[in-house]
């Protein structure tokens, strides 16, 4: 039984890789990785999150310092999400997740 399930899982994985949803998602993912402006903003956001985590160790979550960093993080996220490629990637991710949800429902509906 386990061998059959493993084989079928592998076949499903290979079919998913052939899907237009997966191919589109991977294409946009590569474009994101190659966009230096986006990568710089993502790095800046990540560093701000680390800074926020450090500050929260000794400051109140409603302190001015914390609120300022949260605003900077939100500004970075707004800039990141304003790129057309990010919008396309998010749409492709949503479509791929919808495909996975559809498969899950079919598998689990016995």
N, C-alpha and C. Protein backbone atom coordinates (compact mmCIF):
# COMPACT_ATOMS: atom_id res chain seq x y z
N UNK A 1 0.82 -1.21 0.00
CA UNK A 1 0.00 0.00 0.00
C UNK A 1 0.87 1.27 0.00
N UNK A 2 1.85 1.32 0.91
CA UNK A 2 2.70 2.51 1.00
C UNK A 2 3.46 2.76 -0.29
N UNK A 3 3.89 1.69 -0.95
CA UNK A 3 4.62 1.83 -2.20
C UNK A 3 3.72 2.41 -3.29
N UNK A 4 2.47 1.98 -3.32
CA UNK A 4 1.50 2.48 -4.30
C UNK A 4 1.23 3.96 -4.05
N UNK A 5 1.02 4.32 -2.80
CA UNK A 5 0.77 5.71 -2.45
C UNK A 5 1.98 6.57 -2.82
N UNK A 6 3.16 6.06 -2.53
CA UNK A 6 4.38 6.80 -2.86
C UNK A 6 4.51 7.01 -4.37
N UNK A 7 4.22 5.99 -5.13
CA UNK A 7 4.30 6.08 -6.59
C UNK A 7 3.26 7.07 -7.14
N UNK A 8 2.07 7.00 -6.61
CA UNK A 8 1.02 7.92 -7.07
C UNK A 8 1.33 9.36 -6.67
N UNK A 9 1.91 9.53 -5.51
CA UNK A 9 2.31 10.87 -5.06
C UNK A 9 3.36 11.44 -5.99
N UNK A 10 4.33 10.62 -6.37
CA UNK A 10 5.37 11.05 -7.29
C UNK A 10 4.76 11.46 -8.64
N UNK A 11 3.81 10.64 -9.13
CA UNK A 11 3.17 10.95 -10.41
C UNK A 11 2.38 12.26 -10.32
N UNK A 12 1.70 12.47 -9.21
CA UNK A 12 0.96 13.71 -9.01
C UNK A 12 1.91 14.90 -8.99
N UNK A 13 3.03 14.75 -8.31
CA UNK A 13 4.03 15.82 -8.26
C UNK A 13 4.53 16.16 -9.66
N UNK A 14 4.81 15.15 -10.46
CA UNK A 14 5.30 15.38 -11.82
C UNK A 14 4.22 16.06 -12.68
N UNK A 15 2.97 15.68 -12.50
CA UNK A 15 1.88 16.31 -13.25
C UNK A 15 1.70 17.76 -12.83
N UNK A 16 1.86 18.02 -11.54
CA UNK A 16 1.76 19.40 -11.06
C UNK A 16 2.85 20.27 -11.68
N UNK A 17 4.05 19.72 -11.81
CA UNK A 17 5.15 20.47 -12.42
C UNK A 17 4.87 20.80 -13.88
N UNK A 18 4.01 20.03 -14.53
CA UNK A 18 3.66 20.26 -15.93
C UNK A 18 2.52 21.27 -16.08
N UNK A 19 1.85 21.57 -14.98
CA UNK A 19 0.68 22.45 -15.06
C UNK A 19 1.07 23.87 -15.42
N UNK A 20 0.16 24.56 -16.11
CA UNK A 20 0.43 25.95 -16.49
C UNK A 20 0.55 26.82 -15.25
N UNK A 21 -0.19 26.50 -14.19
CA UNK A 21 -0.14 27.27 -12.95
C UNK A 21 1.26 27.21 -12.33
N UNK A 22 1.83 26.01 -12.30
CA UNK A 22 3.16 25.83 -11.72
C UNK A 22 4.22 26.52 -12.57
N UNK A 23 4.14 26.32 -13.88
CA UNK A 23 5.13 26.92 -14.78
C UNK A 23 5.11 28.44 -14.69
N UNK A 24 3.91 29.00 -14.63
CA UNK A 24 3.79 30.45 -14.54
C UNK A 24 4.35 30.96 -13.21
N UNK A 25 4.02 30.25 -12.14
CA UNK A 25 4.53 30.62 -10.82
C UNK A 25 6.05 30.61 -10.80
N UNK A 26 6.66 29.58 -11.35
CA UNK A 26 8.12 29.48 -11.38
C UNK A 26 8.74 30.58 -12.23
N UNK A 27 8.09 30.92 -13.34
CA UNK A 27 8.60 31.99 -14.21
C UNK A 27 8.63 33.32 -13.45
N UNK A 28 7.53 33.64 -12.78
CA UNK A 28 7.47 34.90 -12.03
C UNK A 28 8.44 34.87 -10.84
N UNK A 29 8.61 33.72 -10.23
CA UNK A 29 9.54 33.59 -9.12
C UNK A 29 10.97 33.93 -9.57
N UNK A 30 11.35 33.43 -10.74
CA UNK A 30 12.68 33.75 -11.28
C UNK A 30 12.83 35.24 -11.55
N UNK A 31 11.78 35.84 -12.09
CA UNK A 31 11.82 37.28 -12.36
C UNK A 31 11.98 38.07 -11.06
N UNK A 32 11.29 37.63 -10.02
CA UNK A 32 11.42 38.29 -8.72
C UNK A 32 12.85 38.18 -8.19
N UNK A 33 13.41 36.98 -8.29
CA UNK A 33 14.76 36.76 -7.79
C UNK A 33 15.79 37.59 -8.53
N UNK A 34 15.52 37.90 -9.79
CA UNK A 34 16.47 38.66 -10.60
C UNK A 34 16.25 40.17 -10.53
N UNK A 35 15.22 40.61 -9.84
CA UNK A 35 14.94 42.03 -9.74
C UNK A 35 15.67 42.61 -8.52
N UNK A 36 16.72 43.35 -8.78
CA UNK A 36 17.57 43.88 -7.70
C UNK A 36 16.82 44.87 -6.80
N UNK A 37 15.93 45.66 -7.38
CA UNK A 37 15.17 46.63 -6.57
C UNK A 37 14.28 45.91 -5.56
N UNK A 38 13.62 44.87 -6.01
CA UNK A 38 12.75 44.10 -5.11
C UNK A 38 13.59 43.40 -4.05
N UNK A 39 14.68 42.79 -4.46
CA UNK A 39 15.54 42.08 -3.52
C UNK A 39 16.09 43.01 -2.44
N UNK A 40 16.44 44.21 -2.84
CA UNK A 40 16.93 45.20 -1.88
C UNK A 40 15.85 45.57 -0.86
N UNK A 41 14.64 45.78 -1.35
CA UNK A 41 13.53 46.10 -0.45
C UNK A 41 13.20 44.94 0.48
N UNK A 42 13.25 43.72 -0.03
CA UNK A 42 12.99 42.54 0.80
C UNK A 42 14.06 42.43 1.88
N UNK A 43 15.30 42.66 1.50
CA UNK A 43 16.39 42.63 2.49
C UNK A 43 16.19 43.71 3.56
N UNK A 44 15.84 44.90 3.12
CA UNK A 44 15.60 46.00 4.06
C UNK A 44 14.47 45.64 5.02
N UNK A 45 13.39 45.09 4.48
CA UNK A 45 12.25 44.67 5.32
C UNK A 45 12.68 43.62 6.33
N UNK A 46 13.45 42.64 5.87
CA UNK A 46 13.91 41.58 6.77
C UNK A 46 14.78 42.13 7.90
N UNK A 47 15.64 43.07 7.57
CA UNK A 47 16.51 43.68 8.59
C UNK A 47 15.68 44.50 9.59
N UNK A 48 14.65 45.16 9.09
CA UNK A 48 13.77 45.92 9.98
C UNK A 48 13.01 44.98 10.92
N UNK A 49 12.63 43.82 10.42
CA UNK A 49 11.93 42.84 11.27
C UNK A 49 12.86 42.35 12.38
N UNK A 50 14.11 42.09 12.03
CA UNK A 50 15.09 41.68 13.05
C UNK A 50 15.24 42.79 14.09
N UNK A 51 15.35 44.01 13.62
CA UNK A 51 15.47 45.16 14.52
C UNK A 51 14.24 45.27 15.42
N UNK A 52 13.07 45.08 14.85
CA UNK A 52 11.83 45.13 15.62
C UNK A 52 11.82 44.06 16.70
N UNK A 53 12.21 42.85 16.34
CA UNK A 53 12.24 41.76 17.32
C UNK A 53 13.19 42.09 18.48
N UNK A 54 14.33 42.70 18.15
CA UNK A 54 15.28 43.09 19.19
C UNK A 54 14.70 44.17 20.10
N UNK A 55 14.11 45.17 19.49
CA UNK A 55 13.56 46.28 20.28
C UNK A 55 12.40 45.82 21.16
N UNK A 56 11.62 44.87 20.67
CA UNK A 56 10.49 44.38 21.47
C UNK A 56 10.94 43.63 22.73
N UNK A 57 12.21 43.28 22.80
CA UNK A 57 12.73 42.61 24.00
C UNK A 57 12.79 43.57 25.19
N UNK A 58 12.93 44.87 24.88
CA UNK A 58 13.06 45.83 25.98
C UNK A 58 12.15 47.06 25.88
N UNK A 59 11.36 47.14 24.81
CA UNK A 59 10.42 48.25 24.66
C UNK A 59 9.00 47.73 24.56
N UNK A 60 8.07 48.55 24.95
CA UNK A 60 6.65 48.22 24.85
C UNK A 60 6.22 48.23 23.39
N UNK A 61 5.26 47.37 23.05
CA UNK A 61 4.81 47.28 21.65
C UNK A 61 4.16 48.57 21.16
N UNK A 62 3.78 49.45 22.06
CA UNK A 62 3.18 50.73 21.67
C UNK A 62 4.16 51.90 21.79
N UNK A 63 5.42 51.59 22.00
CA UNK A 63 6.41 52.66 22.11
C UNK A 63 6.63 53.32 20.75
N UNK A 64 7.14 54.52 20.79
CA UNK A 64 7.39 55.28 19.56
C UNK A 64 8.37 54.53 18.65
N UNK A 65 9.42 53.98 19.24
CA UNK A 65 10.43 53.25 18.46
C UNK A 65 9.81 52.08 17.70
N UNK A 66 9.00 51.31 18.39
CA UNK A 66 8.35 50.14 17.78
C UNK A 66 7.40 50.58 16.68
N UNK A 67 6.62 51.59 16.96
CA UNK A 67 5.66 52.06 15.95
C UNK A 67 6.36 52.61 14.71
N UNK A 68 7.51 53.26 14.91
CA UNK A 68 8.25 53.79 13.76
C UNK A 68 8.81 52.67 12.89
N UNK A 69 9.32 51.64 13.53
CA UNK A 69 9.85 50.51 12.76
C UNK A 69 8.72 49.78 12.04
N UNK A 70 7.60 49.63 12.71
CA UNK A 70 6.45 48.99 12.06
C UNK A 70 6.01 49.78 10.83
N UNK A 71 6.06 51.10 10.93
CA UNK A 71 5.71 51.93 9.79
C UNK A 71 6.71 51.73 8.65
N UNK A 72 7.99 51.66 8.99
CA UNK A 72 9.02 51.43 7.97
C UNK A 72 8.81 50.07 7.28
N UNK A 73 8.46 49.07 8.07
CA UNK A 73 8.19 47.74 7.50
C UNK A 73 7.00 47.82 6.56
N UNK A 74 5.94 48.48 6.99
CA UNK A 74 4.76 48.63 6.14
C UNK A 74 5.07 49.40 4.86
N UNK A 75 5.92 50.42 4.98
CA UNK A 75 6.33 51.18 3.79
C UNK A 75 7.07 50.28 2.81
N UNK A 76 7.97 49.45 3.33
CA UNK A 76 8.70 48.51 2.46
C UNK A 76 7.74 47.54 1.78
N UNK A 77 6.80 47.01 2.55
CA UNK A 77 5.84 46.06 1.98
C UNK A 77 4.98 46.72 0.91
N UNK A 78 4.59 47.96 1.14
CA UNK A 78 3.80 48.69 0.16
C UNK A 78 4.59 48.87 -1.13
N UNK A 79 5.86 49.23 -1.00
CA UNK A 79 6.71 49.40 -2.18
C UNK A 79 6.90 48.07 -2.91
N UNK A 80 7.16 47.01 -2.16
CA UNK A 80 7.34 45.69 -2.76
C UNK A 80 6.08 45.28 -3.52
N UNK A 81 4.94 45.45 -2.90
CA UNK A 81 3.67 45.03 -3.50
C UNK A 81 3.22 45.92 -4.65
N UNK A 82 3.88 47.06 -4.84
CA UNK A 82 3.51 47.95 -5.94
C UNK A 82 4.15 47.52 -7.27
N UNK A 83 5.15 46.66 -7.23
CA UNK A 83 5.79 46.19 -8.45
C UNK A 83 4.82 45.27 -9.21
N UNK A 84 4.75 45.47 -10.51
CA UNK A 84 3.85 44.66 -11.34
C UNK A 84 4.19 43.18 -11.27
N UNK A 85 5.47 42.85 -11.23
CA UNK A 85 5.87 41.44 -11.17
C UNK A 85 5.42 40.79 -9.87
N UNK A 86 5.40 41.55 -8.79
CA UNK A 86 4.93 41.01 -7.50
C UNK A 86 3.43 40.72 -7.59
N UNK A 87 2.70 41.62 -8.22
CA UNK A 87 1.26 41.39 -8.40
C UNK A 87 1.01 40.14 -9.23
N UNK A 88 1.80 39.98 -10.29
CA UNK A 88 1.66 38.79 -11.15
C UNK A 88 2.03 37.53 -10.39
N UNK A 89 3.10 37.61 -9.60
CA UNK A 89 3.52 36.46 -8.80
C UNK A 89 2.43 36.08 -7.79
N UNK A 90 1.88 37.06 -7.10
CA UNK A 90 0.84 36.79 -6.10
C UNK A 90 -0.40 36.17 -6.75
N UNK A 91 -0.75 36.63 -7.94
CA UNK A 91 -1.89 36.06 -8.66
C UNK A 91 -1.60 34.62 -9.06
N UNK A 92 -0.39 34.37 -9.56
CA UNK A 92 0.00 33.02 -9.96
C UNK A 92 0.05 32.09 -8.74
N UNK A 93 0.53 32.60 -7.63
CA UNK A 93 0.56 31.80 -6.40
C UNK A 93 -0.85 31.45 -5.95
N UNK A 94 -1.74 32.40 -6.03
CA UNK A 94 -3.14 32.17 -5.66
C UNK A 94 -3.77 31.10 -6.57
N UNK A 95 -3.48 31.17 -7.86
CA UNK A 95 -4.02 30.20 -8.80
C UNK A 95 -3.44 28.81 -8.55
N UNK A 96 -2.16 28.72 -8.24
CA UNK A 96 -1.54 27.43 -7.95
C UNK A 96 -2.11 26.85 -6.65
N UNK A 97 -2.28 27.71 -5.64
CA UNK A 97 -2.88 27.24 -4.38
C UNK A 97 -4.31 26.77 -4.57
N UNK A 98 -5.04 27.44 -5.46
CA UNK A 98 -6.41 27.01 -5.76
C UNK A 98 -6.40 25.62 -6.39
N UNK A 99 -5.44 25.38 -7.27
CA UNK A 99 -5.29 24.05 -7.88
C UNK A 99 -5.00 23.00 -6.81
N UNK A 100 -4.09 23.32 -5.90
CA UNK A 100 -3.76 22.39 -4.81
C UNK A 100 -4.97 22.13 -3.91
N UNK A 101 -5.75 23.17 -3.63
CA UNK A 101 -6.96 23.01 -2.82
C UNK A 101 -7.96 22.09 -3.51
N UNK A 102 -8.10 22.28 -4.80
CA UNK A 102 -9.01 21.44 -5.59
C UNK A 102 -8.58 19.97 -5.53
N UNK A 103 -7.29 19.74 -5.65
CA UNK A 103 -6.76 18.37 -5.58
C UNK A 103 -6.99 17.79 -4.18
N UNK A 104 -6.71 18.58 -3.16
CA UNK A 104 -6.92 18.13 -1.77
C UNK A 104 -8.38 17.73 -1.53
N UNK A 105 -9.29 18.54 -2.03
CA UNK A 105 -10.72 18.23 -1.84
C UNK A 105 -11.10 16.93 -2.53
N UNK A 106 -10.55 16.72 -3.74
CA UNK A 106 -10.85 15.49 -4.45
C UNK A 106 -10.25 14.28 -3.74
N UNK A 107 -9.04 14.42 -3.25
CA UNK A 107 -8.38 13.31 -2.57
C UNK A 107 -9.12 12.96 -1.27
N UNK A 108 -9.53 13.97 -0.56
CA UNK A 108 -10.12 13.73 0.76
C UNK A 108 -11.64 13.51 0.75
N UNK A 109 -12.22 13.50 -0.44
CA UNK A 109 -13.69 13.31 -0.52
C UNK A 109 -14.00 11.86 -0.90
N UNK A 110 -13.99 10.98 0.10
CA UNK A 110 -14.32 9.60 -0.19
C UNK A 110 -15.53 9.17 0.54
